[in-house]
Amino acid sequence: MTELCFQRCVPSLHQRALDTEEEACLHSCAGKLIHSNHRLMAAYVQLMPALVHRRIADYEAASAVPACWPTLQIMDFPVPMIRR
């Protein structure tokens, strides 16, 4: 943000201090960017709960075992005996 506004509002560095026009431009530029950031974050905060609920539902659906699949028992897979 600061780089964008500085490049847009300060055409040269011939003077040590900013003049009133440059200061006003920087204030306006930064204000617009901050305002747009606040609007973007408000939209994000408003949409985030729905996105979280959708993602949770997707994970639950993906991890659900269909009723037609047999459940596996520990004894379904023989364990090899280790001889010493």
C-alpha atoms as a PDB file:
ATOM      1  CA  MET A   1       0.000   0.000   0.000  1.00  0.00           C
ATOM      2  CA  THR A   2       2.658   2.515   0.946  1.00  0.00           C
ATOM      3  CA  GLU A   3       4.718   1.796  -2.154  1.00  0.00           C
ATOM      4  CA  LEU A   4       1.707   2.125  -4.445  1.00  0.00           C
ATOM      5  CA  CYS A   5       0.580   5.410  -2.903  1.00  0.00           C
ATOM      6  CA  PHE A   6       4.102   6.824  -2.756  1.00  0.00           C
ATOM      7  CA  GLN A   7       4.742   6.063  -6.433  1.00  0.00           C
ATOM      8  CA  ARG A   8       1.393   7.570  -7.390  1.00  0.00           C
ATOM      9  CA  CYS A   9       1.596  10.713  -5.258  1.00  0.00           C
ATOM     10  CA  VAL A  10       5.274  11.687  -5.059  1.00  0.00           C
ATOM     11  CA  PRO A  11       6.627  12.315  -8.555  1.00  0.00           C
ATOM     12  CA  SER A  12      10.108  13.419  -7.480  1.00  0.00           C
ATOM     13  CA  LEU A  13      12.365  13.450  -4.441  1.00  0.00           C
ATOM     14  CA  HIS A  14      13.943  16.858  -5.093  1.00  0.00           C
ATOM     15  CA  GLN A  15      12.669  18.285  -1.799  1.00  0.00           C
ATOM     16  CA  ARG A  16      13.295  16.877   1.626  1.00  0.00           C
ATOM     17  CA  ALA A  17       9.698  17.307   2.840  1.00  0.00           C
ATOM     18  CA  LEU A  18       6.405  16.537   1.151  1.00  0.00           C
ATOM     19  CA  ASP A  19       4.372  19.486  -0.038  1.00  0.00           C
ATOM     20  CA  THR A  20       0.702  19.874   0.870  1.00  0.00           C
ATOM     21  CA  GLU A  21      -0.496  18.460  -2.459  1.00  0.00           C
ATOM     22  CA  GLU A  22       1.602  15.313  -2.030  1.00  0.00           C
ATOM     23  CA  GLU A  23       0.433  14.879   1.561  1.00  0.00           C
ATOM     24  CA  ALA A  24      -3.208  15.247   0.539  1.00  0.00           C
ATOM     25  CA  CYS A  25      -2.717  12.739  -2.282  1.00  0.00           C
ATOM     26  CA  LEU A  26      -1.061  10.227   0.073  1.00  0.00           C
ATOM     27  CA  HIS A  27      -3.818  10.673   2.663  1.00  0.00           C
ATOM     28  CA  SER A  28      -6.517  10.142   0.040  1.00  0.00           C
ATOM     29  CA  CYS A  29      -4.759   7.156  -1.537  1.00  0.00           C
ATOM     30  CA  ALA A  30      -4.152   5.426   1.799  1.00  0.00           C
ATOM     31  CA  GLY A  31      -7.720   6.165   2.894  1.00  0.00           C
ATOM     32  CA  LYS A  32      -9.145   4.557  -0.242  1.00  0.00           C
ATOM     33  CA  LEU A  33      -7.000   1.462   0.147  1.00  0.00           C
ATOM     34  CA  ILE A  34      -7.881   1.126   3.839  1.00  0.00           C
ATOM     35  CA  HIS A  35     -11.585   1.600   3.084  1.00  0.00           C
ATOM     36  CA  SER A  36     -11.501  -1.056   0.352  1.00  0.00           C
ATOM     37  CA  ASN A  37      -9.599  -3.410   2.671  1.00  0.00           C
ATOM     38  CA  HIS A  38     -12.265  -2.961   5.375  1.00  0.00           C
ATOM     39  CA  ARG A  39     -15.033  -3.742   2.863  1.00  0.00           C
ATOM     40  CA  LEU A  40     -13.169  -6.813   1.652  1.00  0.00           C
ATOM     41  CA  MET A  41     -12.612  -8.084   5.189  1.00  0.00           C
ATOM     42  CA  ALA A  42     -16.276  -7.490   6.087  1.00  0.00           C
ATOM     43  CA  ALA A  43     -17.347  -9.587   3.099  1.00  0.00           C
ATOM     44  CA  TYR A  44     -14.840 -12.285   4.083  1.00  0.00           C
ATOM     45  CA  VAL A  45     -16.091 -12.367   7.672  1.00  0.00           C
ATOM     46  CA  GLN A  46     -19.675 -12.621   6.432  1.00  0.00           C
ATOM     47  CA  LEU A  47     -18.939 -15.502   4.021  1.00  0.00           C
ATOM     48  CA  MET A  48     -16.519 -17.456   6.193  1.00  0.00           C
ATOM     49  CA  PRO A  49     -19.064 -19.315   8.411  1.00  0.00           C
ATOM     50  CA  ALA A  50     -20.882 -20.691   5.354  1.00  0.00           C
ATOM     51  CA  LEU A  51     -17.574 -21.795   3.816  1.00  0.00           C
ATOM     52  CA  VAL A  52     -16.528 -23.524   7.053  1.00  0.00           C
ATOM     53  CA  HIS A  53     -19.862 -25.349   7.337  1.00  0.00           C
ATOM     54  CA  ARG A  54     -19.653 -26.449   3.708  1.00  0.00           C
ATOM     55  CA  ARG A  55     -16.091 -27.715   4.172  1.00  0.00           C
ATOM     56  CA  ILE A  56     -17.081 -29.621   7.332  1.00  0.00           C
ATOM     57  CA  ALA A  57     -20.009 -31.221   5.487  1.00  0.00           C
ATOM     58  CA  ASP A  58     -17.693 -32.194   2.624  1.00  0.00           C
ATOM     59  CA  TYR A  59     -15.196 -33.806   5.011  1.00  0.00           C
ATOM     60  CA  GLU A  60     -17.958 -35.654   6.853  1.00  0.00           C
ATOM     61  CA  ALA A  61     -19.426 -36.893   3.586  1.00  0.00           C
ATOM     62  CA  ALA A  62     -16.018 -38.026   2.360  1.00  0.00           C
ATOM     63  CA  SER A  63     -15.234 -39.872   5.581  1.00  0.00           C
ATOM     64  CA  ALA A  64     -18.639 -41.551   5.912  1.00  0.00           C
ATOM     65  CA  VAL A  65     -18.597 -45.287   5.214  1.00  0.00           C
ATOM     66  CA  PRO A  66     -21.463 -46.416   2.970  1.00  0.00           C
ATOM     67  CA  ALA A  67     -23.807 -48.989   4.549  1.00  0.00           C
ATOM     68  CA  CYS A  68     -23.135 -51.526   1.772  1.00  0.00           C
ATOM     69  CA  TRP A  69     -19.436 -51.784   2.695  1.00  0.00           C
ATOM     70  CA  PRO A  70     -18.654 -54.512   5.214  1.00  0.00           C
ATOM     71  CA  THR A  71     -17.041 -53.365   8.392  1.00  0.00           C
ATOM     72  CA  LEU A  72     -13.617 -54.812   8.927  1.00  0.00           C
ATOM     73  CA  GLN A  73     -12.851 -56.759  12.028  1.00  0.00           C
ATOM     74  CA  ILE A  74      -9.390 -57.141  13.458  1.00  0.00           C
ATOM     75  CA  MET A  75      -9.455 -60.871  12.666  1.00  0.00           C
ATOM     76  CA  ASP A  76     -10.223 -60.274   8.973  1.00  0.00           C
ATOM     77  CA  PHE A  77      -6.515 -59.768   8.365  1.00  0.00           C
ATOM     78  CA  PRO A  78      -4.283 -62.555   9.609  1.00  0.00           C
ATOM     79  CA  VAL A  79      -1.199 -61.374  11.397  1.00  0.00           C
ATOM     80  CA  PRO A  80       1.962 -63.223  10.380  1.00  0.00           C
ATOM     81  CA  MET A  81       3.665 -65.074  13.184  1.00  0.00           C
ATOM     82  CA  ILE A  82       7.217 -64.066  13.878  1.00  0.00           C
ATOM     83  CA  ARG A  83       9.434 -67.042  14.704  1.00  0.00           C
ATOM     84  CA  ARG A  84      12.449 -66.599  16.829  1.00  0.00           C
END
